[in-house]
């Protein structure tokens, strides 16, 4: 979904190259930005795992399914939050991902 996301139209990007001056100078895609992204990922993973273990300690056998479901839902929400301009294929990908995951739960529950 994020591959199709665009801040401005292609026409405006070609018309105003100064919009991407920061990217041309490599300021935005720095090691600091990368480390912030890594920190967010580690934080999310920790909250999902520890939250799943603490909230469902009576059902520790099901902690894998619970945490994986939390991961799928969190990532779908994060993609929805990050997208600037929605493309119809993005919405289709989000809905299809959720549908396939729920269908696999039903199909593989036995």
C-alpha atoms as a PDB file:
ATOM      1  CA  UNK A   1       0.000   0.000   0.000  1.00  0.00           C
ATOM      2  CA  UNK A   2       2.739   2.465   0.877  1.00  0.00           C
ATOM      3  CA  UNK A   3       4.361   1.955  -2.526  1.00  0.00           C
ATOM      4  CA  UNK A   4       1.447   3.758  -4.169  1.00  0.00           C
ATOM      5  CA  UNK A   5       1.429   6.635  -1.648  1.00  0.00           C
ATOM      6  CA  UNK A   6       2.427  10.041  -3.014  1.00  0.00           C
ATOM      7  CA  UNK A   7       2.686  13.437  -1.343  1.00  0.00           C
ATOM      8  CA  UNK A   8       2.109  15.494  -4.455  1.00  0.00           C
ATOM      9  CA  UNK A   9       1.128  14.710  -8.023  1.00  0.00           C
ATOM     10  CA  UNK A  10       3.782  13.827 -10.580  1.00  0.00           C
ATOM     11  CA  UNK A  11       3.089  17.074 -12.440  1.00  0.00           C
ATOM     12  CA  UNK A  12       3.741  19.205  -9.342  1.00  0.00           C
ATOM     13  CA  UNK A  13       6.852  17.207  -8.448  1.00  0.00           C
ATOM     14  CA  UNK A  14       8.334  17.931 -11.890  1.00  0.00           C
ATOM     15  CA  UNK A  15       7.131  21.521 -11.832  1.00  0.00           C
ATOM     16  CA  UNK A  16       8.566  22.288  -8.361  1.00  0.00           C
ATOM     17  CA  UNK A  17      11.769  20.266  -7.774  1.00  0.00           C
ATOM     18  CA  UNK A  18      12.475  22.299  -4.607  1.00  0.00           C
ATOM     19  CA  UNK A  19       9.779  20.230  -2.882  1.00  0.00           C
ATOM     20  CA  UNK A  20      12.307  17.416  -2.688  1.00  0.00           C
ATOM     21  CA  UNK A  21      15.398  19.496  -1.953  1.00  0.00           C
ATOM     22  CA  UNK A  22      15.778  17.851   1.473  1.00  0.00           C
ATOM     23  CA  UNK A  23      15.766  14.396  -0.122  1.00  0.00           C
ATOM     24  CA  UNK A  24      18.326  15.481  -2.695  1.00  0.00           C
ATOM     25  CA  UNK A  25      20.633  16.612   0.113  1.00  0.00           C
ATOM     26  CA  UNK A  26      20.042  13.284   1.924  1.00  0.00           C
ATOM     27  CA  UNK A  27      18.905  15.021   5.098  1.00  0.00           C
ATOM     28  CA  UNK A  28      15.604  13.201   5.498  1.00  0.00           C
ATOM     29  CA  UNK A  29      16.899   9.668   4.936  1.00  0.00           C
ATOM     30  CA  UNK A  30      19.635   9.802   7.552  1.00  0.00           C
ATOM     31  CA  UNK A  31      20.884   7.346  10.154  1.00  0.00           C
ATOM     32  CA  UNK A  32      18.861   9.258  12.765  1.00  0.00           C
ATOM     33  CA  UNK A  33      15.635   8.711  10.815  1.00  0.00           C
ATOM     34  CA  UNK A  34      16.478   5.038  10.404  1.00  0.00           C
ATOM     35  CA  UNK A  35      17.148   4.622  14.125  1.00  0.00           C
ATOM     36  CA  UNK A  36      13.830   6.321  14.973  1.00  0.00           C
ATOM     37  CA  UNK A  37      12.041   3.844  12.693  1.00  0.00           C
ATOM     38  CA  UNK A  38      13.885   0.934  14.326  1.00  0.00           C
ATOM     39  CA  UNK A  39      12.984   2.236  17.795  1.00  0.00           C
ATOM     40  CA  UNK A  40       9.303   2.477  16.831  1.00  0.00           C
ATOM     41  CA  UNK A  41       9.373  -1.112  15.528  1.00  0.00           C
ATOM     42  CA  UNK A  42      11.068  -2.466  18.663  1.00  0.00           C
ATOM     43  CA  UNK A  43       8.647  -0.536  20.877  1.00  0.00           C
ATOM     44  CA  UNK A  44       5.600  -1.816  18.984  1.00  0.00           C
ATOM     45  CA  UNK A  45       6.861  -5.388  19.071  1.00  0.00           C
ATOM     46  CA  UNK A  46       7.619  -5.181  22.784  1.00  0.00           C
ATOM     47  CA  UNK A  47       4.213  -3.743  23.643  1.00  0.00           C
ATOM     48  CA  UNK A  48       2.457  -6.375  21.548  1.00  0.00           C
ATOM     49  CA  UNK A  49       4.415  -9.306  23.032  1.00  0.00           C
ATOM     50  CA  UNK A  50       4.474  -8.144  26.654  1.00  0.00           C
ATOM     51  CA  UNK A  51       0.875  -6.939  26.496  1.00  0.00           C
ATOM     52  CA  UNK A  52      -0.252 -10.260  25.079  1.00  0.00           C
ATOM     53  CA  UNK A  53       1.648 -12.196  27.726  1.00  0.00           C
ATOM     54  CA  UNK A  54       0.427 -10.057  30.630  1.00  0.00           C
ATOM     55  CA  UNK A  55      -3.199  -9.727  29.557  1.00  0.00           C
ATOM     56  CA  UNK A  56      -3.673 -13.363  28.568  1.00  0.00           C
ATOM     57  CA  UNK A  57      -1.492 -15.240  31.037  1.00  0.00           C
ATOM     58  CA  UNK A  58      -4.294 -17.757  31.737  1.00  0.00           C
ATOM     59  CA  UNK A  59      -4.328 -18.613  28.045  1.00  0.00           C
ATOM     60  CA  UNK A  60      -0.588 -18.682  27.496  1.00  0.00           C
ATOM     61  CA  UNK A  61      -1.046 -21.465  24.925  1.00  0.00           C
ATOM     62  CA  UNK A  62      -2.841 -18.984  22.648  1.00  0.00           C
ATOM     63  CA  UNK A  63      -0.322 -16.150  23.082  1.00  0.00           C
ATOM     64  CA  UNK A  64       1.111 -16.701  19.589  1.00  0.00           C
ATOM     65  CA  UNK A  65      -2.265 -16.290  17.910  1.00  0.00           C
ATOM     66  CA  UNK A  66      -3.174 -13.325  20.065  1.00  0.00           C
ATOM     67  CA  UNK A  67       0.087 -11.476  19.481  1.00  0.00           C
ATOM     68  CA  UNK A  68       0.102 -12.231  15.747  1.00  0.00           C
ATOM     69  CA  UNK A  69      -3.447 -10.889  15.454  1.00  0.00           C
ATOM     70  CA  UNK A  70      -2.375  -7.766  17.350  1.00  0.00           C
ATOM     71  CA  UNK A  71       0.597  -7.413  14.988  1.00  0.00           C
ATOM     72  CA  UNK A  72      -1.557  -7.697  11.855  1.00  0.00           C
ATOM     73  CA  UNK A  73      -4.092  -5.165  13.140  1.00  0.00           C
ATOM     74  CA  UNK A  74      -1.366  -2.771  14.316  1.00  0.00           C
ATOM     75  CA  UNK A  75       0.396  -2.846  10.960  1.00  0.00           C
ATOM     76  CA  UNK A  76      -2.845  -2.263   9.057  1.00  0.00           C
ATOM     77  CA  UNK A  77      -3.552   0.729  11.284  1.00  0.00           C
ATOM     78  CA  UNK A  78       0.015   2.050  10.894  1.00  0.00           C
ATOM     79  CA  UNK A  79      -0.217   1.848   7.103  1.00  0.00           C
ATOM     80  CA  UNK A  80      -3.554   3.675   7.203  1.00  0.00           C
ATOM     81  CA  UNK A  81      -2.054   6.405   9.392  1.00  0.00           C
ATOM     82  CA  UNK A  82       1.051   6.870   7.231  1.00  0.00           C
ATOM     83  CA  UNK A  83      -0.724   7.159   3.875  1.00  0.00           C
ATOM     84  CA  UNK A  84      -1.098  10.738   2.651  1.00  0.00           C
ATOM     85  CA  UNK A  85      -3.229  10.226  -0.467  1.00  0.00           C
ATOM     86  CA  UNK A  86      -5.312   7.078  -0.793  1.00  0.00           C
ATOM     87  CA  UNK A  87      -5.355   5.092  -4.018  1.00  0.00           C
ATOM     88  CA  UNK A  88      -8.199   2.606  -4.622  1.00  0.00           C
ATOM     89  CA  UNK A  89      -5.696  -0.260  -4.756  1.00  0.00           C
ATOM     90  CA  UNK A  90      -4.458   0.709  -1.283  1.00  0.00           C
ATOM     91  CA  UNK A  91      -7.921   0.351   0.171  1.00  0.00           C
ATOM     92  CA  UNK A  92      -8.363  -2.938  -1.657  1.00  0.00           C
ATOM     93  CA  UNK A  93      -5.047  -4.212  -0.263  1.00  0.00           C
ATOM     94  CA  UNK A  94      -6.025  -3.275   3.307  1.00  0.00           C
ATOM     95  CA  UNK A  95      -9.450  -4.933   3.079  1.00  0.00           C
ATOM     96  CA  UNK A  96      -8.089  -7.993   1.261  1.00  0.00           C
ATOM     97  CA  UNK A  97      -5.337  -8.460   3.866  1.00  0.00           C
ATOM     98  CA  UNK A  98      -7.850  -8.374   6.690  1.00  0.00           C
ATOM     99  CA  UNK A  99     -10.236 -10.713   4.844  1.00  0.00           C
ATOM    100  CA  UNK A 100      -7.514 -13.259   4.027  1.00  0.00           C
ATOM    101  CA  UNK A 101      -6.252 -13.223   7.609  1.00  0.00           C
ATOM    102  CA  UNK A 102      -9.736 -13.736   9.060  1.00  0.00           C
ATOM    103  CA  UNK A 103     -10.462 -16.470   6.486  1.00  0.00           C
ATOM    104  CA  UNK A 104      -7.212 -18.239   7.379  1.00  0.00           C
ATOM    105  CA  UNK A 105      -8.157 -18.153  11.071  1.00  0.00           C
ATOM    106  CA  UNK A 106     -11.501 -19.797  10.271  1.00  0.00           C
ATOM    107  CA  UNK A 107      -9.982 -22.311   7.852  1.00  0.00           C
ATOM    108  CA  UNK A 108      -7.069 -23.290  10.077  1.00  0.00           C
ATOM    109  CA  UNK A 109      -8.847 -23.217  13.444  1.00  0.00           C
ATOM    110  CA  UNK A 110      -9.330 -26.960  13.520  1.00  0.00           C
END
